[in-house]
Amino acid sequence: MSDFSKISAAVESGGIRLDVFVAEKAECTRSHAKTLIEDGNVEVNGVKASKSGLSLKAGDMVDIVNPAPKELNLEPQDIPIEIVWQDDDFAVVNKPQGMVVHPAPGAYDNTLVNALLYKLDSLSGINGVARPGIVHRLDKDTSGLLVVAKNDFAHTSLQKQIAEKSAKRFYYALVDGVVENDIGEIRNFLARSTTDRKKYAVAKEGRLAITLYKVVRRYSAYTLMEYELKTGRTHQIRVHSRYIGHPVVGDKTYGGSDKFNLNGQLLHAYKLILNHPRTGEEMTFTAPLPDYFQNVLNSLKPSN
């Protein structure tokens, strides 16, 4: 595995500061983004950037090299995880609620990566030592399907499929209130909240976020929704649910109710459709709702 991660990303809308863009793409603080820029680890359109406050234009290509901590030495851990499917190129796992995907400050063990290092014989190195094999993520308290690359060839293919939206990701969520429209699309820009840097919010500028939704079942005070991600922004479904006035049940960060003694939001990545990176075959994977999610649904009264 390499000792750094490299991220290449196109700017989708103009006016965003370089340090803000780097912080969002590299999932780091603004101060760390500034350090990356000052150390010559960021290029804009092939030229090393020197100013954190550079205003980016739509279509600019930003390349970020984020060196991993040299001292980071992840330990394989025998943590129970469900491997839905695997071959020599990739695996699909069903991540439980409450598990962090990859190591970060404050969580260097008991993550999905620690479990993968124990369970799988190889992982791709494109994302560096901290995130081996990780092609996309789920929030800690979101359960469901994740694809994991076992080699760099598979990683590149799978990452491209997600970026180009040929890979499809579907979620079930129980939301507060009765959603009126049977189907809909939410399309706007997301950016870090100006009042809480750990949260995201709909903004006039930021990263384009598109979510399709469909009502699966209405209850007297809740709605079971199916969401399809057309983009993959941090907290996208959770922010969009709140935006339409129906936050995800159990999501305290974004205003969801919590009347069921939950340990997190009722959001589950239940279906994943992708093409095999080597054969091109379309493959569909599904994961049933976790018991705690199904138990809540069983306790609800159907809508009239």
Protein backbone atom coordinates (compact mmCIF):
# COMPACT_ATOMS: atom_id res chain seq x y z
CA MET A 1 0.00 0.00 0.00
CA SER A 2 1.11 3.57 -0.68
CA ASP A 3 1.84 5.99 2.17
CA PHE A 4 -0.46 8.69 0.83
CA SER A 5 -3.88 9.13 -0.66
CA LYS A 6 -4.44 11.07 -3.87
CA ILE A 7 -7.76 12.66 -4.69
CA SER A 8 -8.65 14.22 -8.02
CA ALA A 9 -11.89 16.16 -8.23
CA ALA A 10 -13.56 18.57 -10.63
CA VAL A 11 -15.13 21.75 -9.28
CA GLU A 12 -18.85 21.65 -9.99
CA SER A 13 -19.76 25.25 -9.18
CA GLY A 14 -17.61 28.36 -9.09
CA GLY A 15 -16.86 30.65 -6.19
CA ILE A 16 -15.80 28.10 -3.57
CA ARG A 17 -12.48 28.73 -1.79
CA LEU A 18 -9.69 26.27 -2.43
CA ASP A 19 -9.17 25.46 1.27
CA VAL A 20 -12.90 24.81 1.72
CA PHE A 21 -12.96 22.53 -1.33
CA VAL A 22 -9.86 20.63 -0.19
CA ALA A 23 -11.27 20.22 3.34
CA GLU A 24 -14.49 18.74 1.96
CA LYS A 25 -12.83 16.41 -0.55
CA ALA A 26 -10.07 15.22 1.79
CA GLU A 27 -12.49 15.12 4.75
CA CYS A 28 -10.15 17.15 6.92
CA THR A 29 -10.21 20.43 8.82
CA ARG A 30 -9.70 23.79 7.14
CA SER A 31 -6.41 24.17 8.99
CA HIS A 32 -5.14 20.83 7.66
CA ALA A 33 -6.31 21.80 4.17
CA LYS A 34 -4.36 25.03 4.47
CA THR A 35 -1.26 23.06 5.51
CA LEU A 36 -1.63 20.75 2.51
CA ILE A 37 -1.80 23.76 0.20
CA GLU A 38 1.14 25.54 1.81
CA ASP A 39 3.25 22.35 1.65
CA GLY A 40 2.70 22.07 -2.10
CA ASN A 41 0.39 19.06 -1.94
CA VAL A 42 -2.45 20.66 -3.93
CA GLU A 43 -2.54 21.40 -7.65
CA VAL A 44 -5.18 23.33 -9.57
CA ASN A 45 -5.27 22.49 -13.28
CA GLY A 46 -1.81 20.94 -13.00
CA VAL A 47 -0.19 23.90 -11.24
CA LYS A 48 0.77 23.84 -7.57
CA ALA A 49 -1.46 26.15 -5.59
CA SER A 50 -0.05 28.56 -3.01
CA LYS A 51 -3.09 30.52 -1.79
CA SER A 52 -5.70 28.92 0.45
CA GLY A 53 -8.21 31.61 -0.43
CA LEU A 54 -8.02 31.02 -4.19
CA SER A 55 -11.52 31.23 -5.68
CA LEU A 56 -12.15 28.18 -7.84
CA LYS A 57 -14.05 28.22 -11.11
CA ALA A 58 -16.49 25.60 -12.36
CA GLY A 59 -14.54 22.99 -14.30
CA ASP A 60 -11.26 23.48 -12.44
CA MET A 61 -9.49 20.18 -11.67
CA VAL A 62 -8.01 19.91 -8.20
CA ASP A 63 -5.46 17.22 -7.30
CA ILE A 64 -4.79 16.63 -3.60
CA VAL A 65 -2.01 14.52 -2.15
CA ASN A 66 -2.72 13.84 1.51
CA PRO A 67 0.26 12.12 3.19
CA ALA A 68 -0.78 9.54 5.74
CA PRO A 69 0.75 9.61 9.22
CA LYS A 70 3.95 7.58 9.05
CA GLU A 71 3.35 6.17 12.51
CA LEU A 72 -0.12 4.84 11.69
CA ASN A 73 0.00 1.07 12.00
CA LEU A 74 -3.44 -0.44 11.76
CA GLU A 75 -4.00 -3.74 13.49
CA PRO A 76 -6.18 -6.48 12.00
CA GLN A 77 -8.98 -7.23 14.47
CA ASP A 78 -11.28 -10.23 14.60
CA ILE A 79 -14.51 -8.23 14.60
CA PRO A 80 -17.66 -9.97 13.32
CA ILE A 81 -18.78 -8.50 9.99
CA GLU A 82 -21.10 -9.90 7.34
CA ILE A 83 -19.41 -10.42 3.98
CA VAL A 84 -22.28 -10.60 1.51
CA TRP A 85 -20.09 -11.57 -1.46
CA GLN A 86 -16.45 -11.61 -2.51
CA ASP A 87 -14.03 -12.74 -5.19
CA ASP A 88 -10.41 -11.88 -6.00
CA ASP A 89 -11.28 -8.29 -7.02
CA PHE A 90 -13.76 -6.95 -4.50
CA ALA A 91 -16.07 -7.71 -1.61
CA VAL A 92 -19.45 -6.42 -0.53
CA VAL A 93 -20.02 -6.12 3.21
CA ASN A 94 -23.08 -5.32 5.31
CA LYS A 95 -21.83 -2.73 7.80
CA PRO A 96 -23.61 -2.72 11.16
CA GLN A 97 -24.90 0.45 12.77
CA GLY A 98 -22.40 1.99 15.18
CA MET A 99 -19.25 0.96 13.30
CA VAL A 100 -16.88 3.61 11.94
CA VAL A 101 -15.71 2.79 8.41
CA HIS A 102 -12.07 3.85 8.63
CA PRO A 103 -9.64 5.10 11.28
CA ALA A 104 -9.71 8.79 12.17
CA PRO A 105 -8.68 10.85 15.19
CA GLY A 106 -10.39 9.30 18.20
CA ALA A 107 -11.15 6.00 16.44
CA TYR A 108 -8.05 4.06 15.42
CA ASP A 109 -9.39 0.60 16.18
CA ASN A 110 -12.64 -1.38 16.04
CA THR A 111 -13.36 0.14 12.63
CA LEU A 112 -14.52 -1.65 9.50
CA VAL A 113 -11.00 -1.35 8.11
CA ASN A 114 -9.58 -3.19 11.13
CA ALA A 115 -12.10 -5.97 10.51
CA LEU A 116 -11.34 -6.09 6.77
CA LEU A 117 -7.62 -6.39 7.40
CA TYR A 118 -8.38 -9.53 9.42
CA LYS A 119 -11.07 -11.03 7.17
CA LEU A 120 -9.75 -10.37 3.65
CA ASP A 121 -6.52 -11.53 2.06
CA SER A 122 -5.82 -8.23 0.28
CA LEU A 123 -7.03 -4.63 0.00
CA SER A 124 -6.32 -1.91 -2.54
CA GLY A 125 -3.81 0.78 -1.63
CA ILE A 126 -5.15 3.76 -3.58
CA ASN A 127 -6.54 5.48 -0.49
CA GLY A 128 -3.38 5.00 1.57
CA VAL A 129 -2.71 3.25 4.85
CA ALA A 130 -5.69 4.73 6.69
CA ARG A 131 -8.39 3.70 4.20
CA PRO A 132 -7.24 0.55 2.38
CA GLY A 133 -9.91 -0.83 0.07
CA ILE A 134 -12.48 1.83 0.92
CA VAL A 135 -14.26 2.96 -2.27
CA HIS A 136 -17.16 4.81 -0.59
CA ARG A 137 -18.37 5.29 2.96
CA LEU A 138 -21.39 5.12 5.21
CA ASP A 139 -21.89 7.23 8.33
CA LYS A 140 -21.13 5.52 11.62
CA ASP A 141 -24.79 5.11 12.55
CA THR A 142 -25.98 4.16 9.03
CA SER A 143 -26.08 0.43 8.30
CA GLY A 144 -25.89 -1.46 5.06
CA LEU A 145 -23.94 -2.33 1.94
CA LEU A 146 -20.43 -1.15 1.13
CA VAL A 147 -18.19 -2.28 -1.71
CA VAL A 148 -14.53 -2.86 -0.84
CA ALA A 149 -11.75 -3.16 -3.43
CA LYS A 150 -9.11 -5.86 -3.07
CA ASN A 151 -6.71 -4.41 -5.64
CA ASP A 152 -6.01 -1.09 -7.34
CA PHE A 153 -7.47 -2.23 -10.68
CA ALA A 154 -10.83 -2.98 -9.08
CA HIS A 155 -10.69 0.16 -6.95
CA THR A 156 -10.20 2.42 -9.98
CA SER A 157 -13.11 0.79 -11.82
CA LEU A 158 -15.50 0.87 -8.87
CA GLN A 159 -14.61 4.45 -7.98
CA LYS A 160 -15.23 5.50 -11.58
CA GLN A 161 -18.62 3.78 -11.60
CA ILE A 162 -19.68 5.72 -8.53
CA ALA A 163 -18.34 9.00 -9.91
CA GLU A 164 -20.08 8.48 -13.26
CA LYS A 165 -23.29 7.26 -11.55
CA SER A 166 -23.35 3.90 -13.35
CA ALA A 167 -23.23 2.27 -9.92
CA LYS A 168 -26.56 2.67 -8.12
CA ARG A 169 -27.10 2.90 -4.37
CA PHE A 170 -30.51 2.58 -2.71
CA TYR A 171 -31.46 3.21 0.93
CA TYR A 172 -34.46 2.67 3.18
CA ALA A 173 -35.18 5.36 5.75
CA LEU A 174 -37.98 5.89 8.22
CA VAL A 175 -38.73 9.61 8.38
CA ASP A 176 -40.86 11.77 10.63
CA GLY A 177 -44.28 12.79 9.37
CA VAL A 178 -46.37 11.65 6.42
CA VAL A 179 -44.71 12.51 3.10
CA GLU A 180 -47.29 13.84 0.66
CA ASN A 181 -45.78 13.11 -2.77
CA ASP A 182 -45.28 9.51 -3.85
CA ILE A 183 -42.05 10.29 -5.72
CA GLY A 184 -39.73 13.26 -6.00
CA GLU A 185 -36.27 14.64 -6.61
CA ILE A 186 -34.23 16.83 -4.28
CA ARG A 187 -31.56 18.86 -6.09
CA ASN A 188 -29.50 21.62 -4.45
CA PHE A 189 -26.04 22.46 -3.13
CA LEU A 190 -24.60 21.18 0.15
CA ALA A 191 -21.82 22.76 2.16
CA ARG A 192 -20.52 22.63 5.70
CA SER A 193 -22.77 24.41 8.15
CA THR A 194 -21.61 27.91 9.05
CA THR A 195 -22.63 27.34 12.67
CA ASP A 196 -21.39 23.77 13.22
CA ARG A 197 -18.47 22.44 11.14
CA LYS A 198 -19.46 18.85 11.89
CA LYS A 199 -22.77 19.31 10.10
CA TYR A 200 -23.79 20.00 6.50
CA ALA A 201 -26.56 22.19 5.18
CA VAL A 202 -28.28 23.26 1.99
CA ALA A 203 -26.49 26.35 0.69
CA LYS A 204 -26.44 28.76 -2.26
CA GLU A 205 -23.01 27.43 -3.21
CA GLY A 206 -21.24 24.17 -2.52
CA ARG A 207 -21.37 20.72 -4.03
CA LEU A 208 -24.32 19.66 -6.16
CA ALA A 209 -26.40 16.99 -4.40
CA ILE A 210 -29.20 15.01 -6.07
CA THR A 211 -31.43 12.50 -4.28
CA LEU A 212 -34.42 10.66 -5.72
CA TYR A 213 -37.09 9.43 -3.34
CA LYS A 214 -40.14 7.18 -3.39
CA VAL A 215 -42.70 6.50 -0.67
CA VAL A 216 -42.68 2.81 0.25
CA ARG A 217 -45.30 2.86 3.04
CA ARG A 218 -47.10 5.53 5.03
CA TYR A 219 -47.84 5.20 8.73
CA SER A 220 -49.94 7.42 10.97
CA ALA A 221 -46.98 9.65 11.90
CA TYR A 222 -44.07 8.32 9.84
CA THR A 223 -43.15 7.33 6.28
CA LEU A 224 -40.90 4.54 5.06
CA MET A 225 -38.90 5.99 2.17
CA GLU A 226 -36.66 4.60 -0.54
CA TYR A 227 -33.83 6.95 -1.50
CA GLU A 228 -31.54 6.65 -4.50
CA LEU A 229 -28.29 8.59 -4.44
CA LYS A 230 -27.39 10.27 -7.71
CA THR A 231 -24.46 11.99 -5.98
CA GLY A 232 -22.62 10.91 -2.86
CA ARG A 233 -22.18 13.87 -0.55
CA THR A 234 -21.46 13.61 3.16
CA HIS A 235 -24.74 13.25 5.13
CA GLN A 236 -26.65 13.77 1.87
CA ILE A 237 -29.80 11.76 2.64
CA ARG A 238 -29.93 13.02 6.21
CA VAL A 239 -29.65 16.68 5.15
CA HIS A 240 -32.10 16.27 2.27
CA SER A 241 -34.63 14.55 4.53
CA ARG A 242 -34.50 17.48 6.90
CA TYR A 243 -34.69 19.91 3.97
CA ILE A 244 -38.07 18.52 2.84
CA GLY A 245 -39.35 18.67 6.41
CA HIS A 246 -39.11 14.97 7.19
CA PRO A 247 -35.87 14.19 9.08
CA VAL A 248 -34.75 10.60 9.51
CA VAL A 249 -36.04 9.03 12.72
CA GLY A 250 -33.28 8.75 15.31
CA ASP A 251 -31.04 11.34 13.60
CA LYS A 252 -30.47 13.73 16.48
CA THR A 253 -27.90 15.71 14.49
CA TYR A 254 -30.50 16.79 11.93
CA GLY A 255 -33.62 17.00 14.05
CA GLY A 256 -35.03 13.49 13.82
CA SER A 257 -37.33 12.26 16.57
CA ASP A 258 -36.18 9.57 18.98
CA LYS A 259 -39.15 7.82 20.58
CA PHE A 260 -37.86 4.28 20.09
CA ASN A 261 -34.69 4.24 22.25
CA LEU A 262 -32.46 4.05 19.16
CA ASN A 263 -28.68 4.10 18.90
CA GLY A 264 -28.71 6.10 15.65
CA GLN A 265 -30.77 6.99 12.63
CA LEU A 266 -33.05 4.50 10.86
CA LEU A 267 -31.16 4.63 7.57
CA HIS A 268 -30.05 1.46 5.80
CA ALA A 269 -28.20 0.99 2.49
CA TYR A 270 -30.23 -1.99 1.29
CA LYS A 271 -29.34 -2.34 -2.40
CA LEU A 272 -26.21 -1.86 -4.51
CA ILE A 273 -25.99 -2.30 -8.28
CA LEU A 274 -22.62 -2.25 -10.04
CA ASN A 275 -20.67 -3.77 -12.90
CA HIS A 276 -17.93 -6.27 -12.12
CA PRO A 277 -14.65 -4.38 -12.64
CA ARG A 278 -13.08 -7.23 -14.63
CA THR A 279 -15.96 -8.89 -16.50
CA GLY A 280 -18.39 -5.98 -16.84
CA GLU A 281 -21.27 -8.14 -15.61
CA GLU A 282 -24.03 -6.19 -13.87
CA MET A 283 -24.40 -7.38 -10.28
CA THR A 284 -27.07 -6.59 -7.70
CA PHE A 285 -26.62 -7.02 -3.96
CA THR A 286 -29.22 -6.58 -1.22
CA ALA A 287 -29.26 -6.58 2.56
CA PRO A 288 -32.45 -6.92 4.65
CA LEU A 289 -33.41 -4.35 7.24
CA PRO A 290 -31.66 -4.85 10.59
CA ASP A 291 -33.86 -6.28 13.34
CA TYR A 292 -34.03 -3.01 15.31
CA PHE A 293 -35.29 -1.20 12.17
CA GLN A 294 -37.86 -3.89 11.35
CA ASN A 295 -39.06 -3.98 14.96
CA VAL A 296 -39.85 -0.25 14.83
CA LEU A 297 -41.84 -0.73 11.61
CA ASN A 298 -43.76 -3.61 13.18
CA SER A 299 -44.79 -1.35 16.05
CA LEU A 300 -46.26 1.39 13.85
CA LYS A 301 -49.87 1.95 12.90
CA PRO A 302 -50.54 2.09 9.15
CA SER A 303 -51.90 5.29 7.66
CA ASN A 304 -55.56 5.49 6.70
